[in-house]
Amino acid sequence: MNERDGFEQRLREARTRQGLDKPSEGGKQGLPPGPMGIGFRVGVELVSALVVGIGIGLLLDRWLGTKPWLFLLFFVAGSAAGILNVYRLFNPRSGRKI
């Protein structure tokens, strides 16, 4: 094995560890890349950002006694974050992969 072959092997292993390439073995990771998997991921991205925003807003409102203003502010911020996450998911120039 010469230096180039060793380098190619290490590069393949590093790309697999970082999630840039799929492993060559038959290990299944996550959902299939079909429409169901993509739809599920979009739903999770939207709902999780919204839940985090609502949670932060409710906690701050309770702590500071500003009901419902911070809840509304963080609801909008969570919604925007969810939409931005979905945009990044489908933007071909972003580093994230489906």
Protein backbone atom coordinates (compact mmCIF):
# COMPACT_ATOMS: atom_id res chain seq x y z
CA MET A 1 0.00 0.00 0.00
CA ASN A 2 1.57 3.27 -1.03
CA GLU A 3 1.07 6.70 0.54
CA ARG A 4 -1.71 7.71 -1.80
CA ASP A 5 -3.80 4.61 -1.06
CA GLY A 6 -3.34 5.14 2.68
CA PHE A 7 -4.37 8.77 2.35
CA GLU A 8 -7.47 7.86 0.33
CA GLN A 9 -8.49 5.29 2.95
CA ARG A 10 -8.03 7.75 5.84
CA LEU A 11 -9.94 10.42 3.91
CA ARG A 12 -12.86 8.01 3.30
CA GLU A 13 -12.94 7.07 6.99
CA ALA A 14 -12.86 10.73 8.09
CA ARG A 15 -15.66 11.67 5.68
CA THR A 16 -17.77 8.78 6.99
CA ARG A 17 -17.17 9.81 10.61
CA GLN A 18 -18.19 13.39 9.85
CA GLY A 19 -21.35 12.23 8.07
CA LEU A 20 -20.27 13.47 4.66
CA ASP A 21 -20.32 9.99 3.13
CA LYS A 22 -22.49 7.04 3.95
CA PRO A 23 -20.68 4.05 5.46
CA SER A 24 -19.89 1.31 2.98
CA GLU A 25 -21.18 -1.37 5.35
CA GLY A 26 -24.89 -2.09 5.53
CA GLY A 27 -25.50 -0.06 8.72
CA LYS A 28 -28.77 1.85 8.48
CA GLN A 29 -28.71 5.35 9.93
CA GLY A 30 -31.91 7.29 10.54
CA LEU A 31 -34.81 7.39 8.13
CA PRO A 32 -34.50 6.59 4.44
CA PRO A 33 -33.88 9.60 2.21
CA GLY A 34 -37.28 9.21 0.57
CA PRO A 35 -40.26 11.56 0.87
CA MET A 36 -41.36 10.17 4.25
CA GLY A 37 -37.93 10.72 5.79
CA ILE A 38 -37.66 14.25 4.43
CA GLY A 39 -41.19 15.11 5.53
CA PHE A 40 -40.54 13.77 9.02
CA ARG A 41 -37.34 15.79 9.30
CA VAL A 42 -39.06 18.99 8.16
CA GLY A 43 -41.80 18.44 10.74
CA VAL A 44 -39.29 17.82 13.51
CA GLU A 45 -37.29 20.94 12.56
CA LEU A 46 -40.39 23.14 12.65
CA VAL A 47 -41.95 21.72 15.80
CA SER A 48 -38.73 21.60 17.83
CA ALA A 49 -37.85 25.23 17.08
CA LEU A 50 -41.39 26.29 17.96
CA VAL A 51 -41.42 24.30 21.22
CA VAL A 52 -38.08 25.78 22.30
CA GLY A 53 -39.26 29.32 21.51
CA ILE A 54 -42.55 28.86 23.37
CA GLY A 55 -40.79 27.26 26.34
CA ILE A 56 -38.30 30.11 26.68
CA GLY A 57 -41.08 32.68 26.34
CA LEU A 58 -43.25 31.04 28.98
CA LEU A 59 -40.36 30.68 31.43
CA LEU A 60 -39.27 34.29 31.01
CA ASP A 61 -42.84 35.55 31.30
CA ARG A 62 -43.33 33.63 34.52
CA TRP A 63 -39.98 34.79 35.92
CA LEU A 64 -40.33 38.47 34.93
CA GLY A 65 -44.13 38.76 35.20
CA THR A 66 -44.56 40.13 31.68
CA LYS A 67 -47.36 37.82 30.47
CA PRO A 68 -48.03 37.42 27.48
CA TRP A 69 -45.44 39.65 25.78
CA LEU A 70 -42.32 37.51 25.93
CA PHE A 71 -44.37 34.44 25.06
CA LEU A 72 -45.54 36.16 21.88
CA LEU A 73 -42.06 37.45 21.06
CA PHE A 74 -40.44 34.03 21.44
CA PHE A 75 -43.32 32.34 19.60
CA VAL A 76 -42.50 34.50 16.58
CA ALA A 77 -38.75 33.93 17.05
CA GLY A 78 -39.25 30.14 17.27
CA SER A 79 -41.42 30.18 14.16
CA ALA A 80 -38.79 32.14 12.27
CA ALA A 81 -36.05 29.78 13.46
CA GLY A 82 -38.06 26.74 12.29
CA ILE A 83 -38.66 28.23 8.86
CA LEU A 84 -34.97 29.19 8.59
CA ASN A 85 -33.96 25.62 9.49
CA VAL A 86 -36.19 24.21 6.74
CA TYR A 87 -34.81 26.76 4.28
CA ARG A 88 -31.26 25.72 5.15
CA LEU A 89 -32.24 22.07 4.76
CA PHE A 90 -33.36 22.58 1.16
CA ASN A 91 -30.83 25.24 0.14
CA PRO A 92 -28.21 23.52 -2.01
CA ARG A 93 -25.47 25.94 -0.96
CA SER A 94 -25.76 25.15 2.75
CA GLY A 95 -23.54 22.55 4.36
CA ARG A 96 -26.43 20.45 5.74
CA LYS A 97 -27.55 17.31 3.98
CA ILE A 98 -30.95 15.72 3.91
